[in-house]
Structures are given as C-alpha cells and as structure tokens.
C-alpha cells in the first residue's frame, strides 16, 4: 500500500510513471533496486539520442536515468553497478520509443 501511495503522489506531480526493477547482481537473485521514472520529455529524448548516435550507449542510459528518476531506491545503486546499468538499456530504449503517425494520400 505504501508503494501505491508513493506512485499516486508521483503521478500527480509528474504524470505517467514507470516502475523499473533492476537486478543488482549477476545471477539475477532477489537483490534488486526498484526505481520510478517519469515519461521522457523532448529535451531528454534529444540528449539521449545524441549520446546513442555517437555509440555512447552507457552515457545515454545514465543520462536518461538521471533525468527521468523521480523516486524509489537510491539511483546510485544502479549508476555505480555496470551490470545494473546495462540491464536498464532495453527499458530506456522502450521508454523512448514513440508512437508512429500514419500518412494517407487522398
């Protein structure tokens, strides 16, 4: 119930909230960090895309996490753990995926 209240507070302040559970050790055991991220804005998308285009994927993920983090476990648990940071790549990529518009010639 406590997490639900926190999520509701974060939603009221930031809009859409994503819950991300990140394994903190190599064998994906029960040692995890749970963080809450807000929906990416245009500036964050632009910055992350710039890093990713220059093949600096680790910097792109780190920048996204720092800009989107709004609560949960201490973000440093992930930022100082290479395996945890890599584990976040797919989540960040999914968050940055935008809906596609359609074009119809009339």
C-alpha atoms as a PDB file:
ATOM      1  CA  UNK A   1       0.000   0.000   0.000  1.00  0.00           C
ATOM      2  CA  UNK A   2       2.917   2.318   0.753  1.00  0.00           C
ATOM      3  CA  UNK A   3       4.320   1.938  -2.784  1.00  0.00           C
ATOM      4  CA  UNK A   4       0.861   2.533  -4.239  1.00  0.00           C
ATOM      5  CA  UNK A   5       0.560   5.807  -2.319  1.00  0.00           C
ATOM      6  CA  UNK A   6       4.023   6.875  -3.474  1.00  0.00           C
ATOM      7  CA  UNK A   7       3.185   6.039  -7.088  1.00  0.00           C
ATOM      8  CA  UNK A   8      -0.049   8.037  -6.859  1.00  0.00           C
ATOM      9  CA  UNK A   9       1.857  11.020  -5.442  1.00  0.00           C
ATOM     10  CA  UNK A  10       4.441  10.778  -8.216  1.00  0.00           C
ATOM     11  CA  UNK A  11       1.701  10.516 -10.869  1.00  0.00           C
ATOM     12  CA  UNK A  12       0.034  13.655  -9.505  1.00  0.00           C
ATOM     13  CA  UNK A  13       3.323  15.526  -9.735  1.00  0.00           C
ATOM     14  CA  UNK A  14       4.892  14.097 -12.926  1.00  0.00           C
ATOM     15  CA  UNK A  15       2.135  12.408 -14.949  1.00  0.00           C
ATOM     16  CA  UNK A  16       2.883   8.920 -16.277  1.00  0.00           C
ATOM     17  CA  UNK A  17       5.205   6.872 -14.035  1.00  0.00           C
ATOM     18  CA  UNK A  18       7.153   3.730 -14.908  1.00  0.00           C
ATOM     19  CA  UNK A  19       8.273   1.226 -12.257  1.00  0.00           C
ATOM     20  CA  UNK A  20      11.638  -0.338 -13.114  1.00  0.00           C
ATOM     21  CA  UNK A  21      13.010  -3.326 -11.203  1.00  0.00           C
ATOM     22  CA  UNK A  22      16.734  -3.785 -11.780  1.00  0.00           C
ATOM     23  CA  UNK A  23      18.805  -6.809 -10.697  1.00  0.00           C
ATOM     24  CA  UNK A  24      21.855  -5.712  -8.732  1.00  0.00           C
ATOM     25  CA  UNK A  25      23.905  -8.889  -9.038  1.00  0.00           C
ATOM     26  CA  UNK A  26      24.975 -11.173 -11.838  1.00  0.00           C
ATOM     27  CA  UNK A  27      22.786 -14.154 -11.003  1.00  0.00           C
ATOM     28  CA  UNK A  28      19.533 -12.126 -11.021  1.00  0.00           C
ATOM     29  CA  UNK A  29      18.735 -13.216  -7.480  1.00  0.00           C
ATOM     30  CA  UNK A  30      16.430 -11.361  -5.143  1.00  0.00           C
ATOM     31  CA  UNK A  31      18.808  -8.411  -4.731  1.00  0.00           C
ATOM     32  CA  UNK A  32      17.120  -5.697  -6.802  1.00  0.00           C
ATOM     33  CA  UNK A  33      16.591  -1.951  -6.904  1.00  0.00           C
ATOM     34  CA  UNK A  34      13.145  -0.552  -7.659  1.00  0.00           C
ATOM     35  CA  UNK A  35      13.063   2.924  -9.148  1.00  0.00           C
ATOM     36  CA  UNK A  36      10.334   5.140 -10.561  1.00  0.00           C
ATOM     37  CA  UNK A  37      10.858   7.058 -13.780  1.00  0.00           C
ATOM     38  CA  UNK A  38       8.728   9.785 -15.336  1.00  0.00           C
ATOM     39  CA  UNK A  39       7.775   9.911 -19.006  1.00  0.00           C
ATOM     40  CA  UNK A  40      10.622  11.282 -21.147  1.00  0.00           C
ATOM     41  CA  UNK A  41      10.283  14.846 -22.380  1.00  0.00           C
ATOM     42  CA  UNK A  42      11.594  16.263 -25.648  1.00  0.00           C
ATOM     43  CA  UNK A  43      14.855  17.538 -24.135  1.00  0.00           C
ATOM     44  CA  UNK A  44      15.656  14.164 -22.563  1.00  0.00           C
ATOM     45  CA  UNK A  45      14.870  12.311 -25.799  1.00  0.00           C
ATOM     46  CA  UNK A  46      17.166  14.659 -27.714  1.00  0.00           C
ATOM     47  CA  UNK A  47      20.041  14.319 -25.250  1.00  0.00           C
ATOM     48  CA  UNK A  48      19.810  10.521 -25.069  1.00  0.00           C
ATOM     49  CA  UNK A  49      19.568  10.239 -28.860  1.00  0.00           C
ATOM     50  CA  UNK A  50      22.695  12.389 -29.233  1.00  0.00           C
ATOM     51  CA  UNK A  51      24.676  10.071 -26.931  1.00  0.00           C
ATOM     52  CA  UNK A  52      23.289   6.934 -28.589  1.00  0.00           C
ATOM     53  CA  UNK A  53      24.114   8.217 -32.079  1.00  0.00           C
ATOM     54  CA  UNK A  54      27.747   8.599 -31.013  1.00  0.00           C
ATOM     55  CA  UNK A  55      27.814   4.981 -29.753  1.00  0.00           C
ATOM     56  CA  UNK A  56      27.957   6.151 -26.130  1.00  0.00           C
ATOM     57  CA  UNK A  57      25.132   3.864 -25.030  1.00  0.00           C
ATOM     58  CA  UNK A  58      26.299   3.740 -21.410  1.00  0.00           C
ATOM     59  CA  UNK A  59      26.224   7.549 -21.230  1.00  0.00           C
ATOM     60  CA  UNK A  60      22.822   7.588 -22.929  1.00  0.00           C
ATOM     61  CA  UNK A  61      21.340   5.205 -20.352  1.00  0.00           C
ATOM     62  CA  UNK A  62      22.968   7.063 -17.470  1.00  0.00           C
ATOM     63  CA  UNK A  63      21.709  10.433 -18.737  1.00  0.00           C
ATOM     64  CA  UNK A  64      18.198   9.069 -19.194  1.00  0.00           C
ATOM     65  CA  UNK A  65      18.129   7.574 -15.706  1.00  0.00           C
ATOM     66  CA  UNK A  66      19.393  10.782 -14.106  1.00  0.00           C
ATOM     67  CA  UNK A  67      16.831  12.910 -15.948  1.00  0.00           C
ATOM     68  CA  UNK A  68      13.831  10.606 -15.559  1.00  0.00           C
ATOM     69  CA  UNK A  69      14.350   9.361 -11.980  1.00  0.00           C
ATOM     70  CA  UNK A  70      11.660  10.606  -9.598  1.00  0.00           C
ATOM     71  CA  UNK A  71      11.887   8.167  -6.682  1.00  0.00           C
ATOM     72  CA  UNK A  72      12.379   4.691  -5.317  1.00  0.00           C
ATOM     73  CA  UNK A  73      15.650   3.113  -4.240  1.00  0.00           C
ATOM     74  CA  UNK A  74      18.823   5.174  -4.425  1.00  0.00           C
ATOM     75  CA  UNK A  75      19.718   5.672  -8.095  1.00  0.00           C
ATOM     76  CA  UNK A  76      23.423   5.330  -7.261  1.00  0.00           C
ATOM     77  CA  UNK A  77      22.832   1.588  -6.649  1.00  0.00           C
ATOM     78  CA  UNK A  78      22.301   1.307 -10.398  1.00  0.00           C
ATOM     79  CA  UNK A  79      24.665   4.001 -11.684  1.00  0.00           C
ATOM     80  CA  UNK A  80      27.656   2.501  -9.841  1.00  0.00           C
ATOM     81  CA  UNK A  81      26.885  -1.058 -10.967  1.00  0.00           C
ATOM     82  CA  UNK A  82      27.849  -1.794 -14.584  1.00  0.00           C
ATOM     83  CA  UNK A  83      25.625  -4.891 -14.821  1.00  0.00           C
ATOM     84  CA  UNK A  84      22.624  -2.989 -13.477  1.00  0.00           C
ATOM     85  CA  UNK A  85      23.260  -0.097 -15.852  1.00  0.00           C
ATOM     86  CA  UNK A  86      23.416  -2.441 -18.846  1.00  0.00           C
ATOM     87  CA  UNK A  87      20.221  -4.122 -17.641  1.00  0.00           C
ATOM     88  CA  UNK A  88      18.459  -0.757 -17.974  1.00  0.00           C
ATOM     89  CA  UNK A  89      19.330  -0.290 -21.665  1.00  0.00           C
ATOM     90  CA  UNK A  90      16.309  -2.137 -23.032  1.00  0.00           C
ATOM     91  CA  UNK A  91      13.927  -0.403 -20.625  1.00  0.00           C
ATOM     92  CA  UNK A  92      15.225   3.039 -21.601  1.00  0.00           C
ATOM     93  CA  UNK A  93      15.007   2.177 -25.299  1.00  0.00           C
ATOM     94  CA  UNK A  94      11.395   1.046 -24.825  1.00  0.00           C
ATOM     95  CA  UNK A  95      10.508   4.230 -22.937  1.00  0.00           C
ATOM     96  CA  UNK A  96      11.958   6.391 -25.702  1.00  0.00           C
ATOM     97  CA  UNK A  97      10.031   4.626 -28.441  1.00  0.00           C
ATOM     98  CA  UNK A  98       7.298   6.903 -29.721  1.00  0.00           C
ATOM     99  CA  UNK A  99       4.072   6.057 -31.458  1.00  0.00           C
ATOM    100  CA  UNK A 100       4.222   6.289 -35.208  1.00  0.00           C
ATOM    101  CA  UNK A 101       1.949   8.598 -37.150  1.00  0.00           C
ATOM    102  CA  UNK A 102       0.335   7.348 -40.339  1.00  0.00           C
ATOM    103  CA  UNK A 103       0.212   9.041 -43.689  1.00  0.00           C
ATOM    104  CA  UNK A 104      -2.645   8.519 -46.090  1.00  0.00           C
ATOM    105  CA  UNK A 105      -2.623  10.001 -49.540  1.00  0.00           C
ATOM    106  CA  UNK A 106      -6.085  11.217 -50.529  1.00  0.00           C
END
